[in-house]
Amino acid sequence: MTAPLTLNSFLTRFQLQSPPPSPELAPARRQAAVLVPIVAREEPGLLLTRRAPWLRKHAGQVAFPGGMRDASDPSLTFTALREAREEIALQTQNVRLIGTLPTVGSSSGFQVTPVVGIIPPDLPLQPSADEVDAIFEMPLQEALRLSRYTPLDIHREGVAHQVWLSWYQDYFVWGMTAGIIRQLSLQVMPELLTD
């Protein structure tokens, strides 16, 4: 049986392991960033949102807070923090940034940079009525268990893509969000969290 994942062991492993290089992506016309919030409990959590069902794009999907980089954003880290403030009222001063994961390409043509940060537990977060249907926390150790993700090959415009699927309680986690979580697991502790 695997020992419980503590915040200290997560931080040590995250900082000791260099992320793999970002895959070769097309030149970025559109950039975006998401915040990957790790909740600082003795056994840490991973904070996620479910997008509002009436949104034009990605309605009802589980996601990290994030979005497109504005022309006035000085960095992608700033983008991730701004979007988290707008979407779930997470104040920038409550986020301790610890690094980034490799950039990933989205189905809508964005290059997305995941920014990893530690947040205090039990913050008074508030979902944006315009964008977010729910905010929920998943135990980090459970989120990082590689065997919980099932691959699915899909074909879009004649090109095959592999996406990852998983359930947590009533939440269906898939696509880019599941891929980012898997990448975090592969970086931090692949040998401990495989079944």
N, C-alpha and C. Protein backbone atom coordinates (compact mmCIF):
# COMPACT_ATOMS: atom_id res chain seq x y z
N MET A 1 0.84 -1.19 0.00
CA MET A 1 0.00 0.00 0.00
C MET A 1 0.88 1.25 0.00
N THR A 2 0.49 2.22 -0.77
CA THR A 2 1.25 3.45 -0.91
C THR A 2 1.03 4.35 0.30
N ALA A 3 2.13 4.97 0.78
CA ALA A 3 2.01 5.91 1.89
C ALA A 3 1.20 7.12 1.43
N PRO A 4 0.47 7.76 2.34
CA PRO A 4 -0.31 8.95 1.96
C PRO A 4 0.60 10.03 1.38
N LEU A 5 0.09 10.71 0.38
CA LEU A 5 0.80 11.82 -0.24
C LEU A 5 0.59 13.06 0.61
N THR A 6 1.66 13.60 1.16
CA THR A 6 1.56 14.83 1.95
C THR A 6 1.94 16.03 1.08
N LEU A 7 1.61 17.21 1.55
CA LEU A 7 1.98 18.42 0.81
C LEU A 7 3.50 18.52 0.69
N ASN A 8 4.22 18.23 1.77
CA ASN A 8 5.69 18.32 1.72
C ASN A 8 6.28 17.33 0.72
N SER A 9 5.76 16.11 0.70
CA SER A 9 6.32 15.13 -0.25
C SER A 9 5.98 15.53 -1.69
N PHE A 10 4.78 16.09 -1.91
CA PHE A 10 4.43 16.58 -3.24
C PHE A 10 5.39 17.69 -3.67
N LEU A 11 5.60 18.68 -2.78
CA LEU A 11 6.47 19.81 -3.12
C LEU A 11 7.89 19.36 -3.41
N THR A 12 8.39 18.44 -2.59
CA THR A 12 9.75 17.94 -2.80
C THR A 12 9.87 17.26 -4.15
N ARG A 13 8.92 16.39 -4.46
CA ARG A 13 8.96 15.66 -5.72
C ARG A 13 8.77 16.60 -6.91
N PHE A 14 7.86 17.58 -6.80
CA PHE A 14 7.62 18.51 -7.90
C PHE A 14 8.88 19.30 -8.19
N GLN A 15 9.57 19.73 -7.13
CA GLN A 15 10.76 20.56 -7.33
C GLN A 15 11.98 19.76 -7.75
N LEU A 16 12.05 18.48 -7.36
CA LEU A 16 13.20 17.67 -7.73
C LEU A 16 13.12 17.15 -9.16
N GLN A 17 11.92 16.96 -9.66
CA GLN A 17 11.74 16.40 -10.99
C GLN A 17 11.62 17.53 -12.01
N SER A 18 12.48 17.52 -13.00
CA SER A 18 12.34 18.50 -14.08
C SER A 18 11.22 18.06 -15.00
N PRO A 19 10.36 19.00 -15.40
CA PRO A 19 9.30 18.59 -16.31
C PRO A 19 9.90 18.21 -17.66
N PRO A 20 9.25 17.28 -18.36
CA PRO A 20 9.74 16.95 -19.69
C PRO A 20 9.59 18.17 -20.59
N PRO A 21 10.36 18.22 -21.67
CA PRO A 21 10.24 19.39 -22.55
C PRO A 21 8.85 19.45 -23.16
N SER A 22 8.39 20.66 -23.44
CA SER A 22 7.10 20.81 -24.10
C SER A 22 7.17 20.21 -25.49
N PRO A 23 6.08 19.57 -25.93
CA PRO A 23 6.09 19.02 -27.28
C PRO A 23 6.19 20.15 -28.30
N GLU A 24 6.67 19.80 -29.49
CA GLU A 24 6.76 20.80 -30.56
C GLU A 24 5.34 21.19 -30.96
N LEU A 25 5.02 22.46 -30.78
CA LEU A 25 3.70 22.95 -31.13
C LEU A 25 3.82 23.95 -32.27
N ALA A 26 2.73 24.12 -32.98
CA ALA A 26 2.72 25.12 -34.05
C ALA A 26 2.97 26.49 -33.44
N PRO A 27 3.48 27.43 -34.23
CA PRO A 27 3.68 28.78 -33.69
C PRO A 27 2.39 29.30 -33.06
N ALA A 28 2.53 29.89 -31.88
CA ALA A 28 1.35 30.28 -31.09
C ALA A 28 0.75 31.56 -31.62
N ARG A 29 -0.44 31.45 -32.18
CA ARG A 29 -1.20 32.65 -32.49
C ARG A 29 -2.04 33.02 -31.28
N ARG A 30 -2.53 31.96 -30.60
CA ARG A 30 -3.39 32.19 -29.45
C ARG A 30 -2.82 31.45 -28.25
N GLN A 31 -2.57 32.19 -27.19
CA GLN A 31 -2.01 31.59 -25.97
C GLN A 31 -3.04 31.67 -24.85
N ALA A 32 -2.97 30.69 -23.98
CA ALA A 32 -3.84 30.65 -22.81
C ALA A 32 -3.06 30.04 -21.67
N ALA A 33 -3.62 30.16 -20.46
CA ALA A 33 -3.00 29.57 -19.28
C ALA A 33 -4.09 29.13 -18.32
N VAL A 34 -3.80 28.08 -17.57
CA VAL A 34 -4.70 27.63 -16.51
C VAL A 34 -3.91 27.55 -15.21
N LEU A 35 -4.62 27.74 -14.11
CA LEU A 35 -4.02 27.57 -12.79
C LEU A 35 -4.36 26.16 -12.30
N VAL A 36 -3.35 25.42 -11.86
CA VAL A 36 -3.53 24.08 -11.28
C VAL A 36 -3.38 24.27 -9.77
N PRO A 37 -4.50 24.50 -9.05
CA PRO A 37 -4.41 24.83 -7.62
C PRO A 37 -4.33 23.58 -6.75
N ILE A 38 -3.26 23.47 -5.99
CA ILE A 38 -3.07 22.39 -5.02
C ILE A 38 -3.47 22.96 -3.65
N VAL A 39 -4.44 22.32 -3.00
CA VAL A 39 -4.94 22.82 -1.72
C VAL A 39 -4.05 22.29 -0.60
N ALA A 40 -3.52 23.19 0.22
CA ALA A 40 -2.51 22.87 1.23
C ALA A 40 -3.15 22.26 2.47
N ARG A 41 -3.57 21.03 2.34
CA ARG A 41 -4.03 20.25 3.49
C ARG A 41 -2.93 19.25 3.84
N GLU A 42 -3.07 18.59 5.01
CA GLU A 42 -2.08 17.56 5.35
C GLU A 42 -2.02 16.51 4.24
N GLU A 43 -3.19 16.08 3.77
CA GLU A 43 -3.27 15.28 2.55
C GLU A 43 -3.90 16.19 1.51
N PRO A 44 -3.08 16.74 0.59
CA PRO A 44 -3.52 17.85 -0.26
C PRO A 44 -4.64 17.47 -1.22
N GLY A 45 -5.30 18.51 -1.70
CA GLY A 45 -6.37 18.35 -2.67
C GLY A 45 -6.02 19.05 -3.97
N LEU A 46 -6.80 18.78 -5.00
CA LEU A 46 -6.67 19.43 -6.30
C LEU A 46 -8.00 20.14 -6.56
N LEU A 47 -7.94 21.45 -6.77
CA LEU A 47 -9.15 22.24 -6.97
C LEU A 47 -9.51 22.28 -8.46
N LEU A 48 -10.77 21.98 -8.75
CA LEU A 48 -11.26 21.97 -10.12
C LEU A 48 -12.59 22.71 -10.20
N THR A 49 -13.00 23.05 -11.41
CA THR A 49 -14.29 23.68 -11.62
C THR A 49 -15.07 22.88 -12.67
N ARG A 50 -16.37 23.12 -12.69
CA ARG A 50 -17.18 22.63 -13.81
C ARG A 50 -17.76 23.87 -14.48
N ARG A 51 -17.52 23.95 -15.79
CA ARG A 51 -17.97 25.12 -16.54
C ARG A 51 -19.49 25.15 -16.64
N ALA A 52 -20.03 26.34 -16.73
CA ALA A 52 -21.48 26.52 -16.79
C ALA A 52 -22.05 25.83 -18.04
N PRO A 53 -23.25 25.26 -17.93
CA PRO A 53 -23.82 24.49 -19.05
C PRO A 53 -24.25 25.34 -20.24
N TRP A 54 -24.38 26.65 -20.07
CA TRP A 54 -24.85 27.50 -21.16
C TRP A 54 -23.73 28.15 -21.96
N LEU A 55 -22.47 27.85 -21.60
CA LEU A 55 -21.37 28.46 -22.33
C LEU A 55 -21.32 27.95 -23.78
N ARG A 56 -20.85 28.79 -24.67
CA ARG A 56 -20.77 28.43 -26.09
C ARG A 56 -19.70 27.36 -26.33
N LYS A 57 -18.59 27.42 -25.58
CA LYS A 57 -17.50 26.45 -25.76
C LYS A 57 -17.27 25.69 -24.46
N HIS A 58 -17.08 24.39 -24.58
CA HIS A 58 -16.72 23.51 -23.46
C HIS A 58 -17.75 23.57 -22.32
N ALA A 59 -19.01 23.72 -22.68
CA ALA A 59 -20.08 23.79 -21.67
C ALA A 59 -20.11 22.54 -20.82
N GLY A 60 -20.21 22.72 -19.50
CA GLY A 60 -20.34 21.61 -18.57
C GLY A 60 -19.09 20.79 -18.33
N GLN A 61 -17.98 21.16 -18.93
CA GLN A 61 -16.76 20.38 -18.77
C GLN A 61 -16.03 20.73 -17.47
N VAL A 62 -15.38 19.72 -16.89
CA VAL A 62 -14.50 19.94 -15.75
C VAL A 62 -13.23 20.61 -16.27
N ALA A 63 -12.78 21.62 -15.55
CA ALA A 63 -11.63 22.40 -16.02
C ALA A 63 -10.87 22.99 -14.84
N PHE A 64 -9.68 23.47 -15.14
CA PHE A 64 -8.96 24.33 -14.21
C PHE A 64 -9.36 25.77 -14.52
N PRO A 65 -9.29 26.66 -13.51
CA PRO A 65 -9.54 28.07 -13.81
C PRO A 65 -8.50 28.55 -14.83
N GLY A 66 -8.94 29.25 -15.84
CA GLY A 66 -7.99 29.73 -16.84
C GLY A 66 -8.67 30.24 -18.07
N GLY A 67 -7.87 30.72 -19.00
CA GLY A 67 -8.42 31.23 -20.24
C GLY A 67 -7.37 31.90 -21.09
N MET A 68 -7.85 32.64 -22.07
CA MET A 68 -7.00 33.26 -23.08
C MET A 68 -6.19 34.42 -22.50
N ARG A 69 -4.97 34.52 -22.98
CA ARG A 69 -4.11 35.64 -22.59
C ARG A 69 -4.61 36.93 -23.24
N ASP A 70 -4.86 37.93 -22.42
CA ASP A 70 -5.22 39.25 -22.93
C ASP A 70 -3.96 39.97 -23.40
N ALA A 71 -4.13 40.88 -24.34
CA ALA A 71 -2.98 41.64 -24.85
C ALA A 71 -2.28 42.41 -23.74
N SER A 72 -3.02 42.79 -22.71
CA SER A 72 -2.43 43.57 -21.61
C SER A 72 -1.78 42.69 -20.53
N ASP A 73 -1.92 41.37 -20.62
CA ASP A 73 -1.31 40.48 -19.61
C ASP A 73 0.20 40.44 -19.80
N PRO A 74 0.98 40.75 -18.76
CA PRO A 74 2.44 40.75 -18.91
C PRO A 74 3.05 39.36 -19.04
N SER A 75 2.32 38.33 -18.61
CA SER A 75 2.86 36.96 -18.69
C SER A 75 1.71 35.97 -18.65
N LEU A 76 2.02 34.72 -18.98
CA LEU A 76 1.01 33.66 -18.90
C LEU A 76 0.68 33.33 -17.44
N THR A 77 1.62 33.49 -16.54
CA THR A 77 1.33 33.32 -15.12
C THR A 77 0.29 34.34 -14.68
N PHE A 78 0.46 35.57 -15.11
CA PHE A 78 -0.51 36.62 -14.81
C PHE A 78 -1.89 36.23 -15.35
N THR A 79 -1.91 35.68 -16.57
CA THR A 79 -3.18 35.24 -17.17
C THR A 79 -3.88 34.22 -16.29
N ALA A 80 -3.13 33.20 -15.85
CA ALA A 80 -3.72 32.14 -15.02
C ALA A 80 -4.28 32.72 -13.73
N LEU A 81 -3.54 33.62 -13.10
CA LEU A 81 -4.00 34.21 -11.84
C LEU A 81 -5.19 35.13 -12.05
N ARG A 82 -5.18 35.90 -13.13
CA ARG A 82 -6.31 36.80 -13.44
C ARG A 82 -7.58 35.99 -13.69
N GLU A 83 -7.45 34.95 -14.47
CA GLU A 83 -8.61 34.11 -14.78
C GLU A 83 -9.16 33.43 -13.52
N ALA A 84 -8.27 32.97 -12.63
CA ALA A 84 -8.72 32.34 -11.38
C ALA A 84 -9.47 33.34 -10.51
N ARG A 85 -9.01 34.58 -10.51
CA ARG A 85 -9.72 35.63 -9.75
C ARG A 85 -11.10 35.88 -10.36
N GLU A 86 -11.16 35.95 -11.69
CA GLU A 86 -12.44 36.22 -12.36
C GLU A 86 -13.42 35.06 -12.24
N GLU A 87 -12.92 33.83 -12.32
CA GLU A 87 -13.80 32.66 -12.38
C GLU A 87 -14.25 32.16 -11.01
N ILE A 88 -13.34 32.19 -10.01
CA ILE A 88 -13.68 31.60 -8.71
C ILE A 88 -13.35 32.52 -7.53
N ALA A 89 -13.03 33.77 -7.81
CA ALA A 89 -12.69 34.76 -6.76
C ALA A 89 -11.48 34.34 -5.93
N LEU A 90 -10.54 33.65 -6.56
CA LEU A 90 -9.29 33.27 -5.89
C LEU A 90 -8.33 34.46 -6.00
N GLN A 91 -8.01 35.05 -4.87
CA GLN A 91 -7.16 36.24 -4.86
C GLN A 91 -5.69 35.86 -5.07
N THR A 92 -5.01 36.65 -5.86
CA THR A 92 -3.62 36.38 -6.24
C THR A 92 -2.72 36.20 -5.02
N GLN A 93 -2.94 36.99 -3.97
CA GLN A 93 -2.07 36.90 -2.79
C GLN A 93 -2.23 35.56 -2.06
N ASN A 94 -3.28 34.80 -2.38
CA ASN A 94 -3.47 33.49 -1.75
C ASN A 94 -2.85 32.34 -2.53
N VAL A 95 -2.11 32.65 -3.59
CA VAL A 95 -1.50 31.61 -4.42
C VAL A 95 0.02 31.68 -4.31
N ARG A 96 0.63 30.55 -3.90
CA ARG A 96 2.09 30.45 -3.90
C ARG A 96 2.49 29.65 -5.13
N LEU A 97 3.06 30.34 -6.11
CA LEU A 97 3.43 29.69 -7.36
C LEU A 97 4.64 28.79 -7.16
N ILE A 98 4.59 27.58 -7.75
CA ILE A 98 5.72 26.67 -7.61
C ILE A 98 6.30 26.22 -8.95
N GLY A 99 5.64 26.54 -10.06
CA GLY A 99 6.20 26.18 -11.35
C GLY A 99 5.14 25.98 -12.41
N THR A 100 5.59 25.48 -13.55
CA THR A 100 4.68 25.22 -14.66
C THR A 100 4.89 23.80 -15.18
N LEU A 101 3.92 23.34 -15.93
CA LEU A 101 4.01 22.06 -16.64
C LEU A 101 4.19 22.36 -18.12
N PRO A 102 4.55 21.36 -18.92
CA PRO A 102 4.72 21.61 -20.35
C PRO A 102 3.45 22.14 -21.00
N THR A 103 3.63 23.04 -21.94
CA THR A 103 2.52 23.61 -22.70
C THR A 103 1.83 22.52 -23.50
N VAL A 104 0.49 22.61 -23.57
CA VAL A 104 -0.29 21.64 -24.33
C VAL A 104 -1.14 22.38 -25.36
N GLY A 105 -1.43 21.70 -26.45
CA GLY A 105 -2.29 22.27 -27.49
C GLY A 105 -3.74 21.89 -27.23
N SER A 106 -4.65 22.82 -27.47
CA SER A 106 -6.08 22.54 -27.28
C SER A 106 -6.73 22.26 -28.62
N SER A 107 -7.89 21.63 -28.57
CA SER A 107 -8.63 21.33 -29.79
C SER A 107 -9.10 22.60 -30.49
N SER A 108 -9.18 23.70 -29.76
CA SER A 108 -9.63 24.96 -30.35
C SER A 108 -8.46 25.83 -30.83
N GLY A 109 -7.24 25.27 -30.87
CA GLY A 109 -6.12 25.98 -31.45
C GLY A 109 -5.30 26.83 -30.50
N PHE A 110 -5.54 26.73 -29.20
CA PHE A 110 -4.75 27.47 -28.22
C PHE A 110 -3.55 26.65 -27.77
N GLN A 111 -2.48 27.35 -27.39
CA GLN A 111 -1.38 26.72 -26.67
C GLN A 111 -1.55 27.13 -25.22
N VAL A 112 -1.74 26.12 -24.34
CA VAL A 112 -2.13 26.35 -22.96
C VAL A 112 -0.98 25.99 -22.02
N THR A 113 -0.62 26.93 -21.16
CA THR A 113 0.43 26.71 -20.16
C THR A 113 -0.20 26.46 -18.80
N PRO A 114 0.00 25.27 -18.21
CA PRO A 114 -0.51 25.01 -16.85
C PRO A 114 0.46 25.59 -15.81
N VAL A 115 -0.05 26.43 -14.94
CA VAL A 115 0.73 27.08 -13.88
C VAL A 115 0.30 26.44 -12.55
N VAL A 116 1.26 25.87 -11.82
CA VAL A 116 0.95 25.14 -10.59
C VAL A 116 1.17 26.06 -9.39
N GLY A 117 0.17 26.09 -8.50
CA GLY A 117 0.27 26.93 -7.30
C GLY A 117 -0.35 26.25 -6.10
N ILE A 118 0.11 26.63 -4.93
CA ILE A 118 -0.42 26.12 -3.66
C ILE A 118 -1.36 27.17 -3.09
N ILE A 119 -2.55 26.72 -2.63
CA ILE A 119 -3.50 27.65 -2.03
C ILE A 119 -3.89 27.14 -0.64
N PRO A 120 -4.26 28.05 0.27
CA PRO A 120 -4.71 27.63 1.60
C PRO A 120 -6.04 26.88 1.51
N PRO A 121 -6.30 26.01 2.49
CA PRO A 121 -7.61 25.33 2.51
C PRO A 121 -8.72 26.28 2.93
N ASP A 122 -9.92 25.91 2.53
CA ASP A 122 -11.15 26.57 3.02
C ASP A 122 -11.22 28.07 2.73
N LEU A 123 -10.73 28.47 1.56
CA LEU A 123 -10.88 29.86 1.15
C LEU A 123 -12.34 30.12 0.78
N PRO A 124 -12.82 31.36 0.94
CA PRO A 124 -14.21 31.67 0.57
C PRO A 124 -14.33 31.89 -0.94
N LEU A 125 -14.18 30.83 -1.71
CA LEU A 125 -14.24 30.93 -3.16
C LEU A 125 -15.69 31.08 -3.62
N GLN A 126 -15.87 31.78 -4.74
CA GLN A 126 -17.21 32.04 -5.25
C GLN A 126 -17.20 31.83 -6.76
N PRO A 127 -17.98 30.88 -7.28
CA PRO A 127 -17.99 30.68 -8.73
C PRO A 127 -18.62 31.87 -9.45
N SER A 128 -18.04 32.27 -10.56
CA SER A 128 -18.60 33.33 -11.40
C SER A 128 -19.92 32.83 -11.98
N ALA A 129 -20.98 33.58 -11.80
CA ALA A 129 -22.29 33.17 -12.30
C ALA A 129 -22.29 33.06 -13.82
N ASP A 130 -21.40 33.78 -14.49
CA ASP A 130 -21.35 33.75 -15.95
C ASP A 130 -20.61 32.54 -16.50
N GLU A 131 -19.67 31.99 -15.73
CA GLU A 131 -18.77 30.99 -16.31
C GLU A 131 -18.72 29.65 -15.60
N VAL A 132 -18.95 29.61 -14.29
CA VAL A 132 -18.65 28.41 -13.50
C VAL A 132 -19.90 27.89 -12.82
N ASP A 133 -20.15 26.60 -13.00
CA ASP A 133 -21.31 25.94 -12.41
C ASP A 133 -20.98 25.39 -11.01
N ALA A 134 -19.74 24.91 -10.81
CA ALA A 134 -19.36 24.29 -9.54
C ALA A 134 -17.85 24.40 -9.33
N ILE A 135 -17.47 24.44 -8.06
CA ILE A 135 -16.07 24.34 -7.64
C ILE A 135 -16.00 23.12 -6.75
N PHE A 136 -15.02 22.23 -6.99
CA PHE A 136 -14.90 21.06 -6.14
C PHE A 136 -13.44 20.69 -5.95
N GLU A 137 -13.20 19.90 -4.92
CA GLU A 137 -11.84 19.48 -4.57
C GLU A 137 -11.76 17.97 -4.62
N MET A 138 -10.71 17.48 -5.23
CA MET A 138 -10.45 16.05 -5.36
C MET A 138 -9.17 15.74 -4.59
N PRO A 139 -9.11 14.67 -3.79
CA PRO A 139 -7.85 14.34 -3.13
C PRO A 139 -6.73 14.22 -4.16
N LEU A 140 -5.62 14.90 -3.92
CA LEU A 140 -4.53 14.91 -4.89
C LEU A 140 -4.00 13.50 -5.15
N GLN A 141 -3.88 12.69 -4.11
CA GLN A 141 -3.36 11.34 -4.30
C GLN A 141 -4.27 10.55 -5.25
N GLU A 142 -5.57 10.73 -5.11
CA GLU A 142 -6.51 10.05 -6.01
C GLU A 142 -6.41 10.62 -7.42
N ALA A 143 -6.31 11.94 -7.53
CA ALA A 143 -6.21 12.58 -8.85
C ALA A 143 -4.98 12.10 -9.61
N LEU A 144 -3.88 11.87 -8.89
CA LEU A 144 -2.62 11.50 -9.55
C LEU A 144 -2.46 10.00 -9.79
N ARG A 145 -3.45 9.21 -9.43
CA ARG A 145 -3.37 7.76 -9.67
C ARG A 145 -3.57 7.50 -11.15
N LEU A 146 -2.50 7.10 -11.82
CA LEU A 146 -2.53 6.95 -13.28
C LEU A 146 -3.59 5.97 -13.76
N SER A 147 -3.83 4.92 -12.99
CA SER A 147 -4.77 3.89 -13.45
C SER A 147 -6.21 4.37 -13.51
N ARG A 148 -6.50 5.55 -12.97
CA ARG A 148 -7.88 6.04 -13.01
C ARG A 148 -8.22 6.64 -14.38
N TYR A 149 -7.22 6.82 -15.26
CA TYR A 149 -7.44 7.45 -16.56
C TYR A 149 -7.45 6.40 -17.67
N THR A 150 -8.49 6.45 -18.48
CA THR A 150 -8.66 5.52 -19.58
C THR A 150 -8.42 6.26 -20.90
N PRO A 151 -7.60 5.70 -21.79
CA PRO A 151 -7.36 6.40 -23.06
C PRO A 151 -8.51 6.17 -24.03
N LEU A 152 -8.75 7.17 -24.88
CA LEU A 152 -9.72 7.06 -25.96
C LEU A 152 -9.10 7.72 -27.18
N ASP A 153 -9.09 6.98 -28.30
CA ASP A 153 -8.59 7.54 -29.55
C ASP A 153 -9.75 8.16 -30.31
N ILE A 154 -9.60 9.42 -30.66
CA ILE A 154 -10.63 10.11 -31.44
C ILE A 154 -9.98 10.63 -32.73
N HIS A 155 -10.80 10.85 -33.73
CA HIS A 155 -10.31 11.36 -35.01
C HIS A 155 -10.99 12.69 -35.28
N ARG A 156 -10.16 13.70 -35.52
CA ARG A 156 -10.69 15.04 -35.81
C ARG A 156 -9.98 15.55 -37.06
N GLU A 157 -10.78 15.87 -38.07
CA GLU A 157 -10.24 16.36 -39.34
C GLU A 157 -9.18 15.42 -39.90
N GLY A 158 -9.45 14.12 -39.79
CA GLY A 158 -8.56 13.11 -40.35
C GLY A 158 -7.32 12.81 -39.54
N VAL A 159 -7.19 13.42 -38.36
CA VAL A 159 -6.00 13.20 -37.52
C VAL A 159 -6.42 12.51 -36.23
N ALA A 160 -5.68 11.45 -35.85
CA ALA A 160 -5.98 10.72 -34.62
C ALA A 160 -5.39 11.45 -33.42
N HIS A 161 -6.16 11.53 -32.34
CA HIS A 161 -5.71 12.13 -31.09
C HIS A 161 -6.09 11.18 -29.96
N GLN A 162 -5.24 11.09 -28.96
CA GLN A 162 -5.59 10.31 -27.77
C GLN A 162 -5.99 11.27 -26.66
N VAL A 163 -7.16 11.02 -26.08
CA VAL A 163 -7.60 11.80 -24.93
C VAL A 163 -7.79 10.85 -23.76
N TRP A 164 -7.84 11.42 -22.56
CA TRP A 164 -7.96 10.63 -21.33
C TRP A 164 -9.29 10.91 -20.67
N LEU A 165 -9.89 9.87 -20.09
CA LEU A 165 -11.20 9.96 -19.47
C LEU A 165 -11.14 9.44 -18.04
N SER A 166 -11.91 10.05 -17.15
CA SER A 166 -11.97 9.60 -15.76
C SER A 166 -13.23 10.16 -15.11
N TRP A 167 -13.71 9.50 -14.08
CA TRP A 167 -14.82 10.00 -13.28
C TRP A 167 -14.34 10.25 -11.86
N TYR A 168 -14.86 11.28 -11.24
CA TYR A 168 -14.69 11.48 -9.81
C TYR A 168 -16.04 11.92 -9.25
N GLN A 169 -16.63 11.08 -8.41
CA GLN A 169 -17.98 11.31 -7.91
C GLN A 169 -18.90 11.54 -9.11
N ASP A 170 -19.58 12.68 -9.18
CA ASP A 170 -20.47 12.95 -10.31
C ASP A 170 -19.80 13.78 -11.40
N TYR A 171 -18.49 13.90 -11.36
CA TYR A 171 -17.77 14.76 -12.29
C TYR A 171 -17.02 13.92 -13.32
N PHE A 172 -17.23 14.21 -14.59
CA PHE A 172 -16.54 13.54 -15.69
C PHE A 172 -15.34 14.39 -16.06
N VAL A 173 -14.15 13.87 -15.83
CA VAL A 173 -12.90 14.58 -16.09
C VAL A 173 -12.28 14.00 -17.35
N TRP A 174 -12.07 14.82 -18.36
CA TRP A 174 -11.54 14.28 -19.61
C TRP A 174 -10.81 15.38 -20.38
N GLY A 175 -10.27 14.98 -21.52
CA GLY A 175 -9.64 15.93 -22.43
C GLY A 175 -8.40 16.58 -21.85
N MET A 176 -8.27 17.87 -22.11
CA MET A 176 -7.07 18.59 -21.69
C MET A 176 -6.89 18.55 -20.17
N THR A 177 -7.97 18.70 -19.41
CA THR A 177 -7.86 18.69 -17.95
C THR A 177 -7.29 17.37 -17.46
N ALA A 178 -7.84 16.26 -17.94
CA ALA A 178 -7.32 14.94 -17.55
C ALA A 178 -5.88 14.78 -17.99
N GLY A 179 -5.54 15.28 -19.18
CA GLY A 179 -4.16 15.18 -19.67
C GLY A 179 -3.19 15.96 -18.81
N ILE A 180 -3.59 17.15 -18.34
CA ILE A 180 -2.72 17.95 -17.46
C ILE A 180 -2.51 17.23 -16.13
N ILE A 181 -3.58 16.66 -15.58
CA ILE A 181 -3.44 15.94 -14.31
C ILE A 181 -2.50 14.74 -14.49
N ARG A 182 -2.66 13.99 -15.58
CA ARG A 182 -1.77 12.84 -15.85
C ARG A 182 -0.32 13.30 -15.97
N GLN A 183 -0.11 14.43 -16.66
CA GLN A 183 1.26 14.94 -16.81
C GLN A 183 1.86 15.30 -15.46
N LEU A 184 1.05 15.90 -14.58
CA LEU A 184 1.53 16.21 -13.23
C LEU A 184 1.91 14.92 -12.51
N SER A 185 1.09 13.89 -12.64
CA SER A 185 1.40 12.60 -12.01
C SER A 185 2.69 12.02 -12.56
N LEU A 186 2.85 12.05 -13.87
CA LEU A 186 4.07 11.49 -14.48
C LEU A 186 5.31 12.25 -14.03
N GLN A 187 5.16 13.55 -13.81
CA GLN A 187 6.30 14.33 -13.36
C GLN A 187 6.64 14.06 -11.90
N VAL A 188 5.61 13.96 -11.06
CA VAL A 188 5.84 13.95 -9.62
C VAL A 188 6.17 12.56 -9.08
N MET A 189 5.39 11.56 -9.44
CA MET A 189 5.62 10.27 -8.79
C MET A 189 5.02 9.11 -9.57
N PRO A 190 5.48 8.85 -10.75
CA PRO A 190 4.90 7.78 -11.54
C PRO A 190 5.06 6.40 -10.90
N GLU A 191 6.17 6.18 -10.24
CA GLU A 191 6.42 4.84 -9.67
C GLU A 191 5.56 4.56 -8.44
N LEU A 192 5.03 5.58 -7.79
CA LEU A 192 4.24 5.36 -6.59
C LEU A 192 2.75 5.27 -6.86
N LEU A 193 2.28 5.90 -7.94
CA LEU A 193 0.85 6.05 -8.09
C LEU A 193 0.26 5.17 -9.18
N THR A 194 1.03 4.26 -9.70
CA THR A 194 0.46 3.28 -10.63
C THR A 194 -0.01 2.10 -9.80
N ASP A 195 -1.08 1.48 -10.25
CA ASP A 195 -1.62 0.33 -9.51
C ASP A 195 -0.97 -0.95 -9.95
